[in-house]
Amino acid sequence: MTTPTIIHVEDVSKRFVMHKDKSIKERILNFSRARKHQDDFWALKDISLDITMGTTVGLVGHNGSGKSTLLKVVGGIIQPTTGNVSRRGRMAALLELGAGFHPDLTGRENVYLNSAILGLSRSETDRYFDEIVDFSGIEDFIDTQVKFYSSGMYVRLAFAVAVHVDPDLLLVDEVLAVGDEPFQRKCMAKIAQFQAEGRTIVLVSHSAEQVGALCDRVVVLEHGEMLHDGDPAQALRVLRGSFSDEAVRHEEKLEAEGRPEHHVVEVPQVTVTASDQDTDGIIAPRADIHVSVQYEVLETIEPWLIGVALETAVGNVVYRMTTRELGETLPLQPGTYELNVTFKNHNLGGGSYSVSVGLAYESGATILVVNPAATFEVADYGIGRGAIRLDVESSVKRIAAARAAGIS
């Protein structure tokens, strides 16, 4: 049996009009030439996707890529310029800090107001009220006007309301980045519970770790267009590639304008090899991993260092170190050089990894970051999963006889 679709997005585009006039007076004076004083900005361009029930979908991309716009279109907050969006089931949304809250009302009053907006009756809100307040952890301030709340208190109460209205669909836009660590863990646990219950979640986040941990599908957007829709690990590789492409375009733009970006050091090549790998380049367990960083010093430079990091496919750092920690002194004079680092008898778990390289002055200022600089694959071990491999032993033993009370 096919899983029903909860969100259907068909050829959706969204245009915003940007006015060049700096004041109402200028707009009135230029009314007859209005088109010359405005530009069209297409935040979304022909986006189509179906989201089935019970999935957790991440929307990622650089700033201005259209993630939040797409989430608001899905949530019905803004209407698309062209195309159609259809949804089913009860929806709850956390699209921006304090959305749906009235600053002059107390936290208690806003709980009832927000619950009503999300479709709960007063009697249903009465039934959930104590749970909402307990989850938010702001019992002492529940009868205070929310305009006196901190950003963390806003998020606590808004998230508590959203997850207690029994939604079939939860939309979340970056607000989980606000709030202290214990509350973030509580939110992640609640989302995990929602996933176990088969609810649908659409999440916008800049955290690769969060996206990799929560999502079973990721959509990558760039300049309003969809670059990828599918596997999270592959999506985050595409995302990193889009960041690199953006940097290249930025440099090309500067060069076209006659002001090229200046680097005192360049990294033309980073390679990864191993003492034991198959014909496809997949690295065997316990092999030595060799990372070679070729770099070119273009002019005399102040004391500096190179950082090398191994990261998982979703961007979590497994291990990082710098040449200063390794006791290596880097050359200051122009020339082409090579840094070789060997990770002896690696304990990495099976899967895809990347190498990132960062160059910085010893004073701390960044020179250049290349991420990812190279990728590699480690063979599966067959026992357990994770970013590292541990030698594990196990046993089963009887510590007591079963109690007689109805146990056979």
Protein backbone atom coordinates (compact mmCIF):
# COMPACT_ATOMS: atom_id res chain seq x y z
CA MET A 1 0.00 0.00 0.00
CA THR A 2 1.38 3.41 -0.99
CA THR A 3 1.92 6.03 1.72
CA PRO A 4 -0.50 8.96 1.32
CA THR A 5 0.85 12.39 0.39
CA ILE A 6 0.39 15.09 3.05
CA ILE A 7 1.95 18.00 1.07
CA HIS A 8 1.75 18.46 -2.69
CA VAL A 9 3.73 21.34 -4.23
CA GLU A 10 3.28 21.81 -7.97
CA ASP A 11 5.32 24.28 -10.10
CA VAL A 12 5.43 26.87 -7.33
CA SER A 13 7.14 30.21 -7.95
CA LYS A 14 7.13 33.25 -5.70
CA ARG A 15 7.94 36.80 -6.81
CA PHE A 16 8.66 39.74 -4.54
CA VAL A 17 8.74 43.32 -5.86
CA MET A 18 11.68 45.39 -4.59
CA HIS A 19 11.08 49.14 -4.78
CA LYS A 20 14.05 51.43 -5.35
CA ASP A 21 12.25 54.43 -3.88
CA LYS A 22 13.60 55.39 -0.48
CA SER A 23 10.47 57.18 0.77
CA ILE A 24 6.73 57.51 0.18
CA LYS A 25 7.40 60.95 -1.34
CA GLU A 26 9.73 59.43 -3.97
CA ARG A 27 7.20 56.71 -4.72
CA ILE A 28 4.46 59.29 -5.32
CA LEU A 29 6.71 61.46 -7.50
CA ASN A 30 7.79 58.41 -9.53
CA PHE A 31 4.32 56.86 -9.75
CA SER A 32 4.05 57.26 -13.53
CA ARG A 33 7.42 55.54 -13.94
CA ALA A 34 6.82 52.91 -11.28
CA ARG A 35 8.18 49.99 -13.30
CA LYS A 36 11.53 51.75 -13.73
CA HIS A 37 11.85 52.10 -9.96
CA GLN A 38 11.22 48.50 -9.00
CA ASP A 39 12.81 45.12 -9.56
CA ASP A 40 11.30 41.63 -9.52
CA PHE A 41 12.96 39.13 -7.21
CA TRP A 42 11.99 35.48 -7.70
CA ALA A 43 12.51 33.77 -4.35
CA LEU A 44 11.19 30.45 -5.71
CA LYS A 45 11.28 29.15 -9.29
CA ASP A 46 9.12 26.22 -10.44
CA ILE A 47 9.41 24.09 -7.29
CA SER A 48 7.59 20.74 -7.33
CA LEU A 49 7.68 18.09 -4.61
CA ASP A 50 5.46 15.64 -2.78
CA ILE A 51 5.94 14.88 0.91
CA THR A 52 4.45 11.67 2.20
CA MET A 53 3.08 11.12 5.70
CA GLY A 54 5.55 10.09 8.38
CA THR A 55 8.66 11.58 6.76
CA THR A 56 11.01 14.23 8.12
CA VAL A 57 12.18 16.56 5.37
CA GLY A 58 14.96 19.14 5.72
CA LEU A 59 15.16 22.32 3.64
CA VAL A 60 18.73 23.60 3.39
CA GLY A 61 20.68 26.18 1.42
CA HIS A 62 22.67 29.35 1.88
CA ASN A 63 21.04 32.60 3.03
CA GLY A 64 18.59 33.83 0.41
CA SER A 65 18.15 30.44 -1.24
CA GLY A 66 14.36 30.37 -0.63
CA LYS A 67 14.12 27.85 2.25
CA SER A 68 11.99 29.97 4.57
CA THR A 69 9.89 31.25 1.67
CA LEU A 70 9.09 27.68 0.62
CA LEU A 71 8.21 26.76 4.20
CA LYS A 72 5.85 29.75 4.46
CA VAL A 73 4.24 28.84 1.13
CA VAL A 74 3.74 25.26 2.36
CA GLY A 75 2.26 26.61 5.59
CA GLY A 76 -0.14 28.93 3.76
CA ILE A 77 1.44 32.03 5.34
CA ILE A 78 2.14 33.51 1.92
CA GLN A 79 0.57 32.65 -1.41
CA PRO A 80 2.65 31.56 -4.42
CA THR A 81 2.77 33.81 -7.48
CA THR A 82 2.26 30.77 -9.68
CA GLY A 83 1.62 27.10 -8.96
CA ASN A 84 -0.40 25.26 -6.34
CA VAL A 85 0.09 23.86 -2.84
CA SER A 86 -2.25 21.39 -1.14
CA ARG A 87 -2.07 19.96 2.39
CA ARG A 88 -4.03 17.57 4.53
CA GLY A 89 -4.36 17.07 8.27
CA ARG A 90 -3.82 19.44 11.21
CA MET A 91 -0.76 21.66 10.86
CA ALA A 92 1.34 23.47 13.48
CA ALA A 93 4.06 25.92 12.48
CA LEU A 94 7.03 27.59 14.17
CA LEU A 95 8.08 29.94 11.41
CA GLU A 96 9.58 32.86 13.31
CA LEU A 97 10.12 34.03 16.84
CA GLY A 98 6.89 35.05 18.54
CA ALA A 99 4.68 34.44 15.48
CA GLY A 100 1.05 34.24 16.55
CA PHE A 101 1.73 35.85 19.96
CA HIS A 102 0.30 39.22 21.00
CA PRO A 103 2.88 41.18 23.02
CA ASP A 104 0.31 42.83 25.30
CA LEU A 105 -1.28 39.54 26.34
CA THR A 106 0.10 37.29 29.05
CA GLY A 107 1.66 33.93 28.36
CA ARG A 108 -1.55 32.24 29.60
CA GLU A 109 -3.73 34.30 27.28
CA ASN A 110 -1.39 33.68 24.34
CA VAL A 111 -1.54 29.92 24.92
CA TYR A 112 -5.32 30.04 24.42
CA LEU A 113 -5.02 32.47 21.49
CA ASN A 114 -2.34 30.46 19.71
CA SER A 115 -4.13 27.17 20.36
CA ALA A 116 -7.32 28.60 18.85
CA ILE A 117 -5.37 29.73 15.76
CA LEU A 118 -4.00 26.20 15.44
CA GLY A 119 -7.49 24.71 15.62
CA LEU A 120 -8.01 23.68 19.27
CA SER A 121 -11.23 24.37 21.14
CA ARG A 122 -11.10 26.00 24.56
CA SER A 123 -11.93 22.72 26.29
CA GLU A 124 -9.07 20.98 24.41
CA THR A 125 -6.69 23.76 25.43
CA ASP A 126 -7.86 23.40 29.04
CA ARG A 127 -6.94 19.73 28.86
CA TYR A 128 -3.45 20.42 27.47
CA PHE A 129 -2.69 23.64 29.35
CA ASP A 130 -0.77 22.17 32.29
CA GLU A 131 1.32 20.00 29.94
CA ILE A 132 2.10 23.03 27.74
CA VAL A 133 3.25 25.14 30.67
CA ASP A 134 5.24 22.28 32.19
CA PHE A 135 7.00 21.59 28.87
CA SER A 136 7.85 25.29 28.39
CA GLY A 137 9.38 25.54 31.85
CA ILE A 138 8.22 29.15 32.36
CA GLU A 139 5.58 28.55 35.04
CA ASP A 140 6.73 31.59 37.04
CA PHE A 141 6.12 33.92 34.08
CA ILE A 142 2.96 32.47 32.57
CA ASP A 143 0.86 35.43 33.78
CA THR A 144 3.40 38.03 32.58
CA GLN A 145 2.91 39.93 29.32
CA VAL A 146 4.98 38.24 26.63
CA LYS A 147 6.54 41.56 25.54
CA PHE A 148 8.72 41.16 28.62
CA TYR A 149 9.81 37.64 27.62
CA SER A 150 13.32 36.84 26.43
CA SER A 151 13.76 35.24 22.98
CA GLY A 152 14.31 31.88 24.69
CA MET A 153 11.05 32.17 26.65
CA TYR A 154 9.19 33.02 23.42
CA VAL A 155 10.49 29.88 21.75
CA ARG A 156 9.82 27.68 24.77
CA LEU A 157 6.17 28.67 24.93
CA ALA A 158 5.61 28.69 21.15
CA PHE A 159 7.17 25.25 20.70
CA ALA A 160 5.24 23.87 23.69
CA VAL A 161 1.94 25.01 22.16
CA ALA A 162 2.81 23.73 18.68
CA VAL A 163 3.69 20.20 19.81
CA HIS A 164 0.67 19.84 22.07
CA VAL A 165 -2.03 20.63 19.51
CA ASP A 166 -1.71 17.08 18.17
CA PRO A 167 -0.46 18.09 14.67
CA ASP A 168 -0.21 15.76 11.71
CA LEU A 169 2.28 18.19 10.15
CA LEU A 170 4.88 20.27 12.00
CA LEU A 171 6.78 23.08 10.22
CA VAL A 172 9.91 24.38 11.97
CA ASP A 173 12.11 27.26 10.77
CA GLU A 174 15.43 27.64 12.63
CA VAL A 175 13.76 28.64 15.90
CA LEU A 176 15.21 25.58 17.62
CA ALA A 177 18.58 27.33 17.43
CA VAL A 178 17.26 29.65 20.16
CA GLY A 179 16.97 28.46 23.74
CA ASP A 180 19.35 26.76 26.13
CA GLU A 181 20.87 23.32 25.63
CA PRO A 182 18.51 21.40 28.00
CA PHE A 183 15.47 22.83 26.20
CA GLN A 184 16.96 21.99 22.79
CA ARG A 185 17.45 18.39 23.96
CA LYS A 186 13.82 18.35 25.11
CA CYS A 187 12.73 19.61 21.67
CA MET A 188 14.81 16.97 19.89
CA ALA A 189 13.27 14.28 22.10
CA LYS A 190 9.77 15.54 21.26
CA ILE A 191 10.56 15.52 17.55
CA ALA A 192 11.90 11.97 17.87
CA GLN A 193 8.61 11.02 19.55
CA PHE A 194 6.68 12.62 16.68
CA GLN A 195 8.73 10.62 14.19
CA ALA A 196 8.02 7.39 16.08
CA GLU A 197 4.29 8.24 15.99
CA GLY A 198 4.40 8.67 12.21
CA ARG A 199 3.89 12.43 12.07
CA THR A 200 5.35 14.57 9.28
CA ILE A 201 7.98 17.25 9.94
CA VAL A 202 9.41 19.85 7.56
CA LEU A 203 12.50 21.51 9.01
CA VAL A 204 14.64 24.47 7.95
CA SER A 205 18.06 24.49 9.58
CA HIS A 206 21.62 25.68 8.98
CA SER A 207 22.91 22.91 11.23
CA ALA A 208 24.24 20.00 9.19
CA GLU A 209 24.40 17.95 12.38
CA GLN A 210 20.73 18.60 13.12
CA VAL A 211 19.64 17.85 9.56
CA GLY A 212 21.72 14.68 9.39
CA ALA A 213 20.37 13.42 12.72
CA LEU A 214 16.68 14.19 12.15
CA CYS A 215 15.89 14.03 8.44
CA ASP A 216 15.33 11.04 6.18
CA ARG A 217 15.10 13.32 3.14
CA VAL A 218 16.72 16.68 2.37
CA VAL A 219 15.92 19.31 -0.28
CA VAL A 220 18.77 21.65 -1.27
CA LEU A 221 17.78 25.07 -2.64
CA GLU A 222 19.95 27.66 -4.38
CA HIS A 223 18.64 31.01 -5.65
CA GLY A 224 15.07 29.67 -5.50
CA GLU A 225 15.79 26.53 -7.51
CA MET A 226 15.98 22.93 -6.34
CA LEU A 227 19.45 21.40 -6.61
CA HIS A 228 18.77 18.08 -4.88
CA ASP A 229 15.92 16.13 -3.32
CA GLY A 230 16.74 12.87 -1.59
CA ASP A 231 19.41 11.23 0.55
CA PRO A 232 20.59 13.54 3.42
CA ALA A 233 24.29 12.66 3.14
CA GLN A 234 24.31 13.30 -0.61
CA ALA A 235 22.27 16.48 -0.10
CA LEU A 236 24.82 17.89 2.33
CA ARG A 237 27.60 17.12 -0.14
CA VAL A 238 25.61 19.01 -2.80
CA LEU A 239 25.10 21.85 -0.31
CA ARG A 240 28.81 22.11 0.34
CA GLY A 241 29.41 22.09 -3.39
CA SER A 242 26.94 24.96 -3.81
CA PHE A 243 28.84 26.95 -1.17
CA SER A 244 32.05 26.33 -3.13
CA ASP A 245 30.35 27.33 -6.39
CA GLU A 246 29.07 30.49 -4.69
CA ALA A 247 32.60 31.35 -3.60
CA VAL A 248 33.88 30.80 -7.15
CA ARG A 249 31.13 33.02 -8.57
CA HIS A 250 32.00 35.67 -5.98
CA GLU A 251 35.65 35.63 -7.02
CA GLU A 252 34.70 35.75 -10.72
CA LYS A 253 32.47 38.75 -10.03
CA LEU A 254 35.28 40.54 -8.23
CA GLU A 255 37.67 39.81 -11.09
CA ALA A 256 35.13 41.09 -13.64
CA GLU A 257 34.85 44.29 -11.62
CA GLY A 258 38.63 44.65 -11.65
CA ARG A 259 39.13 43.91 -7.94
CA PRO A 260 40.04 40.22 -7.66
CA GLU A 261 40.05 38.63 -4.22
CA HIS A 262 43.57 38.42 -2.87
CA HIS A 263 44.95 35.19 -1.36
CA VAL A 264 48.50 34.99 -0.03
CA VAL A 265 48.26 31.18 -0.05
CA GLU A 266 46.36 28.87 -2.40
CA VAL A 267 45.54 25.16 -2.07
CA PRO A 268 45.37 23.66 -5.58
CA GLN A 269 45.09 20.02 -4.52
CA VAL A 270 44.27 17.77 -1.56
CA THR A 271 44.48 13.98 -1.99
CA VAL A 272 43.60 11.02 0.23
CA THR A 273 45.23 7.60 -0.13
CA ALA A 274 45.58 4.59 2.18
CA SER A 275 47.94 1.74 2.87
CA ASP A 276 45.11 -0.73 2.16
CA GLN A 277 42.29 0.08 -0.24
CA ASP A 278 40.45 -1.78 -2.98
CA THR A 279 40.29 -1.00 -6.70
CA ASP A 280 37.36 1.39 -6.09
CA GLY A 281 39.41 3.33 -3.56
CA ILE A 282 37.42 2.13 -0.53
CA ILE A 283 39.71 2.17 2.51
CA ALA A 284 40.05 -0.99 4.59
CA PRO A 285 39.67 -1.13 8.40
CA ARG A 286 42.81 -0.29 10.39
CA ALA A 287 44.66 1.02 7.31
CA ASP A 288 46.91 4.08 7.44
CA ILE A 289 45.17 7.08 5.86
CA HIS A 290 47.46 9.56 4.11
CA VAL A 291 46.27 13.15 3.52
CA SER A 292 48.42 15.26 1.22
CA VAL A 293 47.84 19.03 1.08
CA GLN A 294 49.60 20.84 -1.76
CA TYR A 295 49.79 24.58 -1.19
CA GLU A 296 51.43 27.57 -2.82
CA VAL A 297 52.73 30.60 -0.89
CA LEU A 298 52.36 33.54 -3.28
CA GLU A 299 54.18 36.19 -1.24
CA THR A 300 56.12 36.48 1.99
CA ILE A 301 53.71 35.71 4.80
CA GLU A 302 53.48 36.14 8.57
CA PRO A 303 53.64 33.02 10.77
CA TRP A 304 50.65 30.82 9.95
CA LEU A 305 49.27 27.32 10.29
CA ILE A 306 47.17 24.71 8.50
CA GLY A 307 44.26 22.87 10.10
CA VAL A 308 43.10 19.49 8.81
CA ALA A 309 39.78 17.94 9.85
CA LEU A 310 38.05 14.65 9.09
CA GLU A 311 34.27 15.00 8.93
CA THR A 312 31.33 12.66 8.47
CA ALA A 313 29.11 12.91 5.41
CA VAL A 314 26.76 15.27 7.28
CA GLY A 315 29.54 17.58 8.46
CA ASN A 316 30.20 16.37 12.01
CA VAL A 317 33.88 16.68 12.93
CA VAL A 318 35.42 13.31 13.81
CA TYR A 319 38.93 14.64 14.40
CA ARG A 320 40.83 17.86 13.78
CA MET A 321 44.31 19.15 14.45
CA THR A 322 46.70 21.89 13.28
CA THR A 323 50.32 21.97 12.15
CA ARG A 324 51.14 23.85 15.37
CA GLU A 325 49.87 20.89 17.41
CA LEU A 326 51.86 18.56 15.17
CA GLY A 327 55.02 20.60 15.77
CA GLU A 328 55.37 21.59 12.11
CA THR A 329 56.69 25.04 11.16
CA LEU A 330 55.31 26.25 7.83
CA PRO A 331 57.48 28.17 5.31
CA LEU A 332 57.03 31.93 5.07
CA GLN A 333 58.70 32.46 1.68
CA PRO A 334 56.98 32.11 -1.73
CA GLY A 335 57.03 28.65 -3.28
CA THR A 336 55.05 25.43 -3.75
CA TYR A 337 55.03 23.00 -0.83
CA GLU A 338 53.27 19.87 0.38
CA LEU A 339 52.02 18.89 3.84
CA ASN A 340 51.62 15.15 4.45
CA VAL A 341 49.61 13.86 7.41
CA THR A 342 49.14 10.15 8.19
CA PHE A 343 46.36 8.83 10.41
CA LYS A 344 47.84 5.55 11.65
CA ASN A 345 45.63 2.44 12.00
CA HIS A 346 42.41 4.43 11.72
CA ASN A 347 39.34 3.50 13.75
CA LEU A 348 36.74 5.17 11.52
CA GLY A 349 33.40 3.45 11.10
CA GLY A 350 32.14 2.42 7.69
CA GLY A 351 30.76 5.16 5.46
CA SER A 352 31.60 8.38 3.61
CA TYR A 353 33.94 11.03 5.00
CA SER A 354 35.42 14.33 3.87
CA VAL A 355 38.60 16.27 4.57
CA SER A 356 38.42 20.01 5.23
CA VAL A 357 41.47 22.26 5.22
CA GLY A 358 41.73 25.64 6.89
CA LEU A 359 44.58 28.17 6.67
CA ALA A 360 44.98 30.88 9.30
CA TYR A 361 47.54 33.25 10.75
CA GLU A 362 48.84 32.35 14.19
CA SER A 363 47.12 35.51 15.39
CA GLY A 364 43.83 33.82 14.53
CA ALA A 365 42.72 35.57 11.32
CA THR A 366 41.47 33.21 8.59
CA ILE A 367 43.37 33.05 5.31
CA LEU A 368 41.41 30.39 3.41
CA VAL A 369 39.02 27.51 4.05
CA VAL A 370 38.53 24.60 1.64
CA ASN A 371 35.56 22.44 2.64
CA PRO A 372 35.31 19.78 1.40
CA ALA A 373 38.85 19.53 0.12
CA ALA A 374 38.61 15.77 -0.58
CA THR A 375 36.31 12.83 0.12
CA PHE A 376 36.88 9.14 0.83
CA GLU A 377 35.00 5.96 1.71
CA VAL A 378 35.66 3.47 4.52
CA ALA A 379 34.52 -0.16 4.26
CA ASP A 380 31.81 -1.41 6.62
CA TYR A 381 32.88 -3.63 9.49
CA GLY A 382 29.69 -5.66 9.78
CA ILE A 383 29.29 -5.02 13.54
CA GLY A 384 27.69 -1.81 14.76
CA ARG A 385 27.43 1.62 13.16
CA GLY A 386 28.99 4.98 13.92
CA ALA A 387 31.70 7.48 13.09
CA ILE A 388 34.30 5.46 15.00
CA ARG A 389 34.91 1.75 15.46
CA LEU A 390 35.33 0.25 18.92
CA ASP A 391 36.52 -3.26 19.73
CA VAL A 392 33.48 -4.81 21.39
CA GLU A 393 33.05 -8.02 23.36
CA SER A 394 29.71 -9.31 24.65
CA SER A 395 28.26 -12.06 26.80
CA VAL A 396 24.92 -13.19 28.18
CA LYS A 397 24.54 -14.76 31.58
CA ARG A 398 21.76 -15.62 33.97
CA ILE A 399 21.84 -13.60 37.19
CA ALA A 400 18.66 -14.91 38.88
CA ALA A 401 15.87 -17.39 38.39
CA ALA A 402 12.53 -16.08 37.16
CA ARG A 403 10.12 -15.10 39.91
CA ALA A 404 7.24 -17.51 40.36
CA ALA A 405 4.45 -14.92 40.10
CA GLY A 406 2.97 -15.80 36.72
CA ILE A 407 6.36 -16.14 34.99
CA SER A 408 7.06 -19.40 33.23
